[in-house]
Amino acid sequence: MKLFHATMFAVVSLTAYGQSLAPAQAEKGSTLPRSFDGKPDLSGIWQAFGVALFGETGELRPGQGTKSNWGPPVGPAPYRKELEGKVSELASDNRKDPSVQCKMAGVPRITGSVVPLEIIQTPKKVAILYESGHAFRIIPVDGKPHPSDLDPSYMGHSTGHWEGDTFVTDVVGFNRITWLPGAGHFHSEALHVMERYMLQPDGTIFYEAIMEDPEVFTKPWAYRLILRHPPRDERIMESDCTENNQDLEHIVQSTKP
């Protein structure tokens, strides 16, 4: 059984960029692996970062280097000016991170976990199983809207559809407990996330999440990762974080945001 500290979430490619940035189109003649229904096949184990203890990333192919993000340079989260103090206060103490309390990381933060996720794809539903926190999402691809009676939850409620070769999810219905990627990046229940999963000819996925929250942000914010197949025969395992984490008293308080 794998034991990972709940705060091991990496943060890259955070930018106050309000529009979706489409990656370069596949070169002429290149092909993508496809499911039996003709859609790009996203099935399998994926990972944005490897276990930080060993410095591993997902499997790298010749010419790929070690990049884990794509798109524009990093930018600050576009919080309303009167809320910047709260962000700094939360970020000043690592013990305030909800992941330290063994709470599920939420969307999109969980995608940047250092442990793998698995995508199971069918024509009517796409399931994403996360090693982190035993979390999962079942995303219908049937064109139906979100239910009108959603209860706020850690992972929100997702619906999915295809835009050409890009799988798009629309996620709402969040509670206000989780953080967005980064230290102290809280949100409200008005959070709305649009994710895009774009399979590339080199066997990677360009992942993008556009976050909108009119109660805390002045404009949309983007999070971008490159997902790769982990090395060797990786699989989803148990990542245990025990409630009432006894390590809390040993976590050193941060001296800066």
C-alpha atoms as a PDB file:
ATOM      1  CA  MET A   1       0.000   0.000   0.000  1.00  0.00           C
ATOM      2  CA  LYS A   2       1.324   3.426  -0.907  1.00  0.00           C
ATOM      3  CA  LEU A   3       1.513   6.048   1.836  1.00  0.00           C
ATOM      4  CA  PHE A   4       1.768   9.601   0.561  1.00  0.00           C
ATOM      5  CA  HIS A   5       1.503  12.855   2.434  1.00  0.00           C
ATOM      6  CA  ALA A   6      -1.675  14.626   1.470  1.00  0.00           C
ATOM      7  CA  THR A   7       0.056  17.920   0.680  1.00  0.00           C
ATOM      8  CA  MET A   8       2.131  16.509  -2.165  1.00  0.00           C
ATOM      9  CA  PHE A   9       0.348  18.371  -4.950  1.00  0.00           C
ATOM     10  CA  ALA A  10       2.444  20.072  -7.605  1.00  0.00           C
ATOM     11  CA  VAL A  11       1.559  23.442  -9.117  1.00  0.00           C
ATOM     12  CA  VAL A  12       2.547  24.498 -12.606  1.00  0.00           C
ATOM     13  CA  SER A  13       1.244  26.611 -15.419  1.00  0.00           C
ATOM     14  CA  LEU A  14      -1.115  28.783 -13.415  1.00  0.00           C
ATOM     15  CA  THR A  15      -2.008  31.862 -15.375  1.00  0.00           C
ATOM     16  CA  ALA A  16      -4.656  34.514 -15.382  1.00  0.00           C
ATOM     17  CA  TYR A  17      -5.612  33.704 -18.938  1.00  0.00           C
ATOM     18  CA  GLY A  18      -9.274  33.833 -19.773  1.00  0.00           C
ATOM     19  CA  GLN A  19      -9.436  31.981 -23.069  1.00  0.00           C
ATOM     20  CA  SER A  20      -8.826  28.350 -23.825  1.00  0.00           C
ATOM     21  CA  LEU A  21      -5.544  27.883 -25.639  1.00  0.00           C
ATOM     22  CA  ALA A  22      -5.718  25.092 -28.219  1.00  0.00           C
ATOM     23  CA  PRO A  23      -2.476  23.143 -28.712  1.00  0.00           C
ATOM     24  CA  ALA A  24      -0.836  22.778 -32.071  1.00  0.00           C
ATOM     25  CA  GLN A  25      -2.787  20.551 -34.414  1.00  0.00           C
ATOM     26  CA  ALA A  26      -1.473  17.111 -35.209  1.00  0.00           C
ATOM     27  CA  GLU A  27       0.932  17.051 -38.109  1.00  0.00           C
ATOM     28  CA  LYS A  28      -0.454  15.928 -41.423  1.00  0.00           C
ATOM     29  CA  GLY A  29      -0.372  12.162 -41.627  1.00  0.00           C
ATOM     30  CA  SER A  30      -0.075  11.643 -37.866  1.00  0.00           C
ATOM     31  CA  THR A  31      -2.660   9.456 -36.172  1.00  0.00           C
ATOM     32  CA  LEU A  32      -4.170   9.258 -32.721  1.00  0.00           C
ATOM     33  CA  PRO A  33      -5.147   5.979 -31.076  1.00  0.00           C
ATOM     34  CA  ARG A  34      -8.934   5.792 -31.209  1.00  0.00           C
ATOM     35  CA  SER A  35     -11.645   3.973 -29.349  1.00  0.00           C
ATOM     36  CA  PHE A  36     -14.092   1.727 -31.205  1.00  0.00           C
ATOM     37  CA  ASP A  37     -16.491   4.684 -31.541  1.00  0.00           C
ATOM     38  CA  GLY A  38     -13.876   6.757 -33.370  1.00  0.00           C
ATOM     39  CA  LYS A  39     -13.064   9.153 -30.531  1.00  0.00           C
ATOM     40  CA  PRO A  40      -9.443   9.583 -29.352  1.00  0.00           C
ATOM     41  CA  ASP A  41      -8.715   6.855 -26.825  1.00  0.00           C
ATOM     42  CA  LEU A  42      -7.960   8.462 -23.454  1.00  0.00           C
ATOM     43  CA  SER A  43      -8.138   5.160 -21.578  1.00  0.00           C
ATOM     44  CA  GLY A  44      -5.270   4.146 -19.347  1.00  0.00           C
ATOM     45  CA  ILE A  45      -3.105   5.298 -16.456  1.00  0.00           C
ATOM     46  CA  TRP A  46      -1.944   8.916 -16.532  1.00  0.00           C
ATOM     47  CA  GLN A  47       0.219  11.068 -14.307  1.00  0.00           C
ATOM     48  CA  ALA A  48       1.216  14.720 -14.333  1.00  0.00           C
ATOM     49  CA  PHE A  49       4.109  14.346 -11.910  1.00  0.00           C
ATOM     50  CA  GLY A  50       5.968  11.425 -10.412  1.00  0.00           C
ATOM     51  CA  VAL A  51       6.484  10.771  -6.745  1.00  0.00           C
ATOM     52  CA  ALA A  52       8.394  13.816  -5.510  1.00  0.00           C
ATOM     53  CA  LEU A  53      10.546  11.682  -3.213  1.00  0.00           C
ATOM     54  CA  PHE A  54      12.231  10.099  -6.225  1.00  0.00           C
ATOM     55  CA  GLY A  55      11.882  12.946  -8.715  1.00  0.00           C
ATOM     56  CA  GLU A  56      10.152  10.773 -11.302  1.00  0.00           C
ATOM     57  CA  THR A  57       7.816  12.084 -13.948  1.00  0.00           C
ATOM     58  CA  GLY A  58       5.653  10.159 -16.327  1.00  0.00           C
ATOM     59  CA  GLU A  59       7.350   8.206 -19.076  1.00  0.00           C
ATOM     60  CA  LEU A  60       9.410  10.522 -21.280  1.00  0.00           C
ATOM     61  CA  ARG A  61      10.006   9.756 -24.926  1.00  0.00           C
ATOM     62  CA  PRO A  62      12.976  10.972 -26.988  1.00  0.00           C
ATOM     63  CA  GLY A  63      12.758  14.691 -27.676  1.00  0.00           C
ATOM     64  CA  GLN A  64      10.110  15.412 -25.041  1.00  0.00           C
ATOM     65  CA  GLY A  65      12.435  16.633 -22.329  1.00  0.00           C
ATOM     66  CA  THR A  66      11.037  16.964 -18.811  1.00  0.00           C
ATOM     67  CA  LYS A  67       8.394  19.643 -19.318  1.00  0.00           C
ATOM     68  CA  SER A  68       5.227  19.141 -17.311  1.00  0.00           C
ATOM     69  CA  ASN A  69       3.258  22.135 -18.543  1.00  0.00           C
ATOM     70  CA  TRP A  70       2.262  23.757 -21.804  1.00  0.00           C
ATOM     71  CA  GLY A  71       0.920  27.150 -22.759  1.00  0.00           C
ATOM     72  CA  PRO A  72       1.674  30.675 -21.512  1.00  0.00           C
ATOM     73  CA  PRO A  73       4.012  31.480 -18.592  1.00  0.00           C
ATOM     74  CA  VAL A  74       2.842  31.255 -15.004  1.00  0.00           C
ATOM     75  CA  GLY A  75       0.686  34.126 -13.776  1.00  0.00           C
ATOM     76  CA  PRO A  76      -0.895  35.020 -10.430  1.00  0.00           C
ATOM     77  CA  ALA A  77      -4.372  33.961  -9.434  1.00  0.00           C
ATOM     78  CA  PRO A  78      -6.725  36.889 -10.225  1.00  0.00           C
ATOM     79  CA  TYR A  79      -8.222  37.320  -6.762  1.00  0.00           C
ATOM     80  CA  ARG A  80     -10.222  40.390  -5.879  1.00  0.00           C
ATOM     81  CA  LYS A  81      -7.930  42.853  -4.146  1.00  0.00           C
ATOM     82  CA  GLU A  82      -9.821  42.707  -0.863  1.00  0.00           C
ATOM     83  CA  LEU A  83      -9.321  38.910  -0.735  1.00  0.00           C
ATOM     84  CA  GLU A  84      -5.560  38.824  -1.299  1.00  0.00           C
ATOM     85  CA  GLY A  85      -4.955  39.046   2.445  1.00  0.00           C
ATOM     86  CA  LYS A  86      -6.989  35.903   3.046  1.00  0.00           C
ATOM     87  CA  VAL A  87      -4.971  34.025   0.415  1.00  0.00           C
ATOM     88  CA  SER A  88      -1.724  35.074   2.136  1.00  0.00           C
ATOM     89  CA  GLU A  89      -3.069  34.080   5.546  1.00  0.00           C
ATOM     90  CA  LEU A  90      -4.085  30.612   4.367  1.00  0.00           C
ATOM     91  CA  ALA A  91      -0.801  30.111   2.506  1.00  0.00           C
ATOM     92  CA  SER A  92       1.269  31.087   5.549  1.00  0.00           C
ATOM     93  CA  ASP A  93       0.572  27.829   7.380  1.00  0.00           C
ATOM     94  CA  ASN A  94       0.779  24.475   5.574  1.00  0.00           C
ATOM     95  CA  ARG A  95      -1.479  22.947   8.221  1.00  0.00           C
ATOM     96  CA  LYS A  96      -4.412  24.937   6.826  1.00  0.00           C
ATOM     97  CA  ASP A  97      -4.265  23.018   3.548  1.00  0.00           C
ATOM     98  CA  PRO A  98      -7.450  20.887   3.398  1.00  0.00           C
ATOM     99  CA  SER A  99      -5.415  18.051   1.888  1.00  0.00           C
ATOM    100  CA  VAL A 100      -3.512  17.821   5.172  1.00  0.00           C
ATOM    101  CA  GLN A 101      -6.875  17.144   6.805  1.00  0.00           C
ATOM    102  CA  CYS A 102      -7.262  14.155   4.441  1.00  0.00           C
ATOM    103  CA  LYS A 103      -9.978  15.860   2.434  1.00  0.00           C
ATOM    104  CA  MET A 104     -10.348  15.152  -1.291  1.00  0.00           C
ATOM    105  CA  ALA A 105      -8.397  17.624  -3.408  1.00  0.00           C
ATOM    106  CA  GLY A 106     -11.218  18.693  -5.712  1.00  0.00           C
ATOM    107  CA  VAL A 107     -11.130  19.687  -9.378  1.00  0.00           C
ATOM    108  CA  PRO A 108      -8.748  20.632 -10.929  1.00  0.00           C
ATOM    109  CA  ARG A 109      -6.189  20.340  -8.121  1.00  0.00           C
ATOM    110  CA  ILE A 110      -6.437  16.561  -7.966  1.00  0.00           C
ATOM    111  CA  THR A 111      -5.200  16.249 -11.565  1.00  0.00           C
ATOM    112  CA  GLY A 112      -1.835  17.623 -10.422  1.00  0.00           C
ATOM    113  CA  SER A 113      -1.455  15.020  -7.690  1.00  0.00           C
ATOM    114  CA  VAL A 114       1.856  13.157  -7.597  1.00  0.00           C
ATOM    115  CA  VAL A 115       0.023   9.832  -7.812  1.00  0.00           C
ATOM    116  CA  PRO A 116      -1.681   8.419 -10.927  1.00  0.00           C
ATOM    117  CA  LEU A 117      -5.221   8.551 -12.204  1.00  0.00           C
ATOM    118  CA  GLU A 118      -6.972   6.143 -14.542  1.00  0.00           C
ATOM    119  CA  ILE A 119      -9.401   7.075 -17.320  1.00  0.00           C
ATOM    120  CA  ILE A 120     -12.014   4.522 -18.388  1.00  0.00           C
ATOM    121  CA  GLN A 121     -13.773   5.618 -21.565  1.00  0.00           C
ATOM    122  CA  THR A 122     -17.066   4.463 -23.043  1.00  0.00           C
ATOM    123  CA  PRO A 123     -19.352   6.184 -25.568  1.00  0.00           C
ATOM    124  CA  LYS A 124     -21.899   7.134 -22.877  1.00  0.00           C
ATOM    125  CA  LYS A 125     -19.725   7.716 -19.814  1.00  0.00           C
ATOM    126  CA  VAL A 126     -16.130   8.512 -18.941  1.00  0.00           C
ATOM    127  CA  ALA A 127     -14.906   7.493 -15.489  1.00  0.00           C
ATOM    128  CA  ILE A 128     -11.803   8.930 -13.851  1.00  0.00           C
ATOM    129  CA  LEU A 129     -10.381   6.994 -10.893  1.00  0.00           C
ATOM    130  CA  TYR A 130      -7.866   8.820  -8.705  1.00  0.00           C
ATOM    131  CA  GLU A 131      -5.337   7.130  -6.480  1.00  0.00           C
ATOM    132  CA  SER A 132      -5.422  10.313  -4.396  1.00  0.00           C
ATOM    133  CA  GLY A 133      -8.045  10.059  -1.683  1.00  0.00           C
ATOM    134  CA  HIS A 134      -9.864   7.137  -3.342  1.00  0.00           C
ATOM    135  CA  ALA A 135     -11.735   9.787  -5.338  1.00  0.00           C
ATOM    136  CA  PHE A 136     -13.603   9.102  -8.561  1.00  0.00           C
ATOM    137  CA  ARG A 137     -15.757  10.872 -11.117  1.00  0.00           C
ATOM    138  CA  ILE A 138     -18.358   9.349 -13.431  1.00  0.00           C
ATOM    139  CA  ILE A 139     -18.923  11.797 -16.278  1.00  0.00           C
ATOM    140  CA  PRO A 140     -21.998  11.248 -18.484  1.00  0.00           C
ATOM    141  CA  VAL A 141     -21.558  12.018 -22.178  1.00  0.00           C
ATOM    142  CA  ASP A 142     -25.248  12.136 -23.052  1.00  0.00           C
ATOM    143  CA  GLY A 143     -25.963  15.835 -23.515  1.00  0.00           C
ATOM    144  CA  LYS A 144     -28.052  16.149 -20.357  1.00  0.00           C
ATOM    145  CA  PRO A 145     -27.593  19.266 -18.189  1.00  0.00           C
ATOM    146  CA  HIS A 146     -26.503  19.292 -14.572  1.00  0.00           C
ATOM    147  CA  PRO A 147     -29.245  18.324 -12.091  1.00  0.00           C
ATOM    148  CA  SER A 148     -31.018  21.312 -10.547  1.00  0.00           C
ATOM    149  CA  ASP A 149     -30.814  19.927  -6.992  1.00  0.00           C
ATOM    150  CA  LEU A 150     -27.052  19.436  -6.590  1.00  0.00           C
ATOM    151  CA  ASP A 151     -25.621  19.229  -3.093  1.00  0.00           C
ATOM    152  CA  PRO A 152     -22.181  20.901  -2.802  1.00  0.00           C
ATOM    153  CA  SER A 153     -19.396  18.308  -2.926  1.00  0.00           C
ATOM    154  CA  TYR A 154     -15.609  18.023  -3.029  1.00  0.00           C
ATOM    155  CA  MET A 155     -15.406  16.856  -6.645  1.00  0.00           C
ATOM    156  CA  GLY A 156     -18.437  18.703  -7.984  1.00  0.00           C
ATOM    157  CA  HIS A 157     -20.766  17.361 -10.663  1.00  0.00           C
ATOM    158  CA  SER A 158     -19.390  16.799 -14.166  1.00  0.00           C
ATOM    159  CA  THR A 159     -20.967  16.523 -17.581  1.00  0.00           C
ATOM    160  CA  GLY A 160     -18.933  15.771 -20.706  1.00  0.00           C
ATOM    161  CA  HIS A 161     -18.989  16.179 -24.457  1.00  0.00           C
ATOM    162  CA  TRP A 162     -16.607  16.014 -27.402  1.00  0.00           C
ATOM    163  CA  GLU A 163     -15.482  19.040 -29.411  1.00  0.00           C
ATOM    164  CA  GLY A 164     -13.777  17.372 -32.353  1.00  0.00           C
ATOM    165  CA  ASP A 165     -10.936  15.347 -30.836  1.00  0.00           C
ATOM    166  CA  THR A 166     -11.050  17.209 -27.483  1.00  0.00           C
ATOM    167  CA  PHE A 167     -12.927  15.787 -24.512  1.00  0.00           C
ATOM    168  CA  VAL A 168     -14.542  18.658 -22.579  1.00  0.00           C
ATOM    169  CA  THR A 169     -16.058  18.524 -19.115  1.00  0.00           C
ATOM    170  CA  ASP A 170     -18.226  21.109 -17.393  1.00  0.00           C
ATOM    171  CA  VAL A 171     -17.986  20.942 -13.594  1.00  0.00           C
ATOM    172  CA  VAL A 172     -20.176  22.750 -11.022  1.00  0.00           C
ATOM    173  CA  GLY A 173     -21.652  22.033  -7.593  1.00  0.00           C
ATOM    174  CA  PHE A 174     -18.520  22.421  -5.469  1.00  0.00           C
ATOM    175  CA  ASN A 175     -18.345  22.939  -1.735  1.00  0.00           C
ATOM    176  CA  ARG A 176     -16.056  25.701  -0.471  1.00  0.00           C
ATOM    177  CA  ILE A 177     -13.712  23.387   1.455  1.00  0.00           C
ATOM    178  CA  THR A 178     -11.146  22.472  -1.222  1.00  0.00           C
ATOM    179  CA  TRP A 179      -8.386  24.655  -2.623  1.00  0.00           C
ATOM    180  CA  LEU A 180      -7.525  25.361  -6.218  1.00  0.00           C
ATOM    181  CA  PRO A 181      -3.951  24.596  -7.342  1.00  0.00           C
ATOM    182  CA  GLY A 182      -1.463  26.513  -5.247  1.00  0.00           C
ATOM    183  CA  ALA A 183      -1.132  27.520  -1.607  1.00  0.00           C
ATOM    184  CA  GLY A 184      -4.098  29.270  -0.038  1.00  0.00           C
ATOM    185  CA  HIS A 185      -6.103  29.401  -3.257  1.00  0.00           C
ATOM    186  CA  PHE A 186      -9.599  29.120  -1.847  1.00  0.00           C
ATOM    187  CA  HIS A 187     -12.825  29.384  -3.835  1.00  0.00           C
ATOM    188  CA  SER A 188     -16.559  29.758  -3.276  1.00  0.00           C
ATOM    189  CA  GLU A 189     -19.463  27.476  -4.131  1.00  0.00           C
ATOM    190  CA  ALA A 190     -19.873  29.517  -7.320  1.00  0.00           C
ATOM    191  CA  LEU A 191     -16.757  27.873  -8.801  1.00  0.00           C
ATOM    192  CA  HIS A 192     -17.229  26.702 -12.389  1.00  0.00           C
ATOM    193  CA  VAL A 193     -14.519  24.614 -14.095  1.00  0.00           C
ATOM    194  CA  MET A 194     -14.212  23.721 -17.771  1.00  0.00           C
ATOM    195  CA  GLU A 195     -11.665  20.961 -18.440  1.00  0.00           C
ATOM    196  CA  ARG A 196     -10.190  19.920 -21.780  1.00  0.00           C
ATOM    197  CA  TYR A 197      -8.342  16.654 -22.418  1.00  0.00           C
ATOM    198  CA  MET A 198      -6.428  16.781 -25.701  1.00  0.00           C
ATOM    199  CA  LEU A 199      -4.645  13.598 -26.763  1.00  0.00           C
ATOM    200  CA  GLN A 200      -1.422  14.310 -28.661  1.00  0.00           C
ATOM    201  CA  PRO A 201       0.339  12.297 -31.403  1.00  0.00           C
ATOM    202  CA  ASP A 202       3.262  11.642 -29.025  1.00  0.00           C
ATOM    203  CA  GLY A 203       0.984   9.776 -26.616  1.00  0.00           C
ATOM    204  CA  THR A 204       0.600  12.565 -24.041  1.00  0.00           C
ATOM    205  CA  ILE A 205      -2.514  14.468 -23.000  1.00  0.00           C
ATOM    206  CA  PHE A 206      -2.583  18.244 -22.918  1.00  0.00           C
ATOM    207  CA  TYR A 207      -4.842  19.034 -19.967  1.00  0.00           C
ATOM    208  CA  GLU A 208      -6.406  22.423 -19.401  1.00  0.00           C
ATOM    209  CA  ALA A 209      -8.811  23.658 -16.714  1.00  0.00           C
ATOM    210  CA  ILE A 210     -10.377  27.108 -16.959  1.00  0.00           C
ATOM    211  CA  MET A 211     -11.664  28.208 -13.533  1.00  0.00           C
ATOM    212  CA  GLU A 212     -14.269  30.912 -13.072  1.00  0.00           C
ATOM    213  CA  ASP A 213     -15.512  32.129  -9.692  1.00  0.00           C
ATOM    214  CA  PRO A 214     -17.211  35.549  -9.758  1.00  0.00           C
ATOM    215  CA  GLU A 215     -17.223  35.697  -5.952  1.00  0.00           C
ATOM    216  CA  VAL A 216     -13.413  35.626  -5.609  1.00  0.00           C
ATOM    217  CA  PHE A 217     -11.856  36.151  -9.088  1.00  0.00           C
ATOM    218  CA  THR A 218     -11.802  39.196 -11.326  1.00  0.00           C
ATOM    219  CA  LYS A 219     -11.449  37.022 -14.443  1.00  0.00           C
ATOM    220  CA  PRO A 220     -11.012  33.348 -15.424  1.00  0.00           C
ATOM    221  CA  TRP A 221      -7.835  31.500 -14.469  1.00  0.00           C
ATOM    222  CA  ALA A 222      -6.179  28.585 -16.285  1.00  0.00           C
ATOM    223  CA  TYR A 223      -4.253  25.532 -15.119  1.00  0.00           C
ATOM    224  CA  ARG A 224      -2.360  23.452 -17.693  1.00  0.00           C
ATOM    225  CA  LEU A 225      -0.527  20.144 -17.402  1.00  0.00           C
ATOM    226  CA  ILE A 226       0.983  17.476 -19.632  1.00  0.00           C
ATOM    227  CA  LEU A 227      -0.230  14.020 -18.616  1.00  0.00           C
ATOM    228  CA  ARG A 228       1.965  11.031 -19.449  1.00  0.00           C
ATOM    229  CA  HIS A 229       1.802   7.298 -18.962  1.00  0.00           C
ATOM    230  CA  PRO A 230       3.825   6.456 -15.829  1.00  0.00           C
ATOM    231  CA  PRO A 231       6.932   4.309 -16.247  1.00  0.00           C
ATOM    232  CA  ARG A 232       6.668   0.547 -16.017  1.00  0.00           C
ATOM    233  CA  ASP A 233       3.373  -1.195 -15.264  1.00  0.00           C
ATOM    234  CA  GLU A 234       1.897   1.385 -12.906  1.00  0.00           C
ATOM    235  CA  ARG A 235      -1.639   0.891 -11.602  1.00  0.00           C
ATOM    236  CA  ILE A 236      -4.040   2.615  -9.251  1.00  0.00           C
ATOM    237  CA  MET A 237      -3.284   1.608  -5.663  1.00  0.00           C
ATOM    238  CA  GLU A 238      -4.324   2.695  -2.179  1.00  0.00           C
ATOM    239  CA  SER A 239      -3.046   6.097  -1.112  1.00  0.00           C
ATOM    240  CA  ASP A 240      -3.846   6.251   2.560  1.00  0.00           C
ATOM    241  CA  CYS A 241      -4.389   9.465   4.481  1.00  0.00           C
ATOM    242  CA  THR A 242      -5.862   8.877   7.900  1.00  0.00           C
ATOM    243  CA  GLU A 243      -8.448  11.230   9.345  1.00  0.00           C
ATOM    244  CA  ASN A 244      -7.138  13.226  12.327  1.00  0.00           C
ATOM    245  CA  ASN A 245      -3.688  13.079  10.734  1.00  0.00           C
ATOM    246  CA  GLN A 246      -1.118  12.645  13.515  1.00  0.00           C
ATOM    247  CA  ASP A 247       1.561  14.295  11.374  1.00  0.00           C
ATOM    248  CA  LEU A 248      -0.111  17.692  11.720  1.00  0.00           C
ATOM    249  CA  GLU A 249       1.896  18.621  14.800  1.00  0.00           C
ATOM    250  CA  HIS A 250       5.149  17.918  12.916  1.00  0.00           C
ATOM    251  CA  ILE A 251       4.352  20.051   9.885  1.00  0.00           C
ATOM    252  CA  VAL A 252       6.474  23.179   9.939  1.00  0.00           C
ATOM    253  CA  GLN A 253       4.561  26.417   9.547  1.00  0.00           C
ATOM    254  CA  SER A 254       5.517  28.251   6.374  1.00  0.00           C
ATOM    255  CA  THR A 255       7.315  31.567   6.833  1.00  0.00           C
ATOM    256  CA  LYS A 256       6.056  33.015   3.567  1.00  0.00           C
ATOM    257  CA  PRO A 257       3.102  32.504   1.164  1.00  0.00           C
END
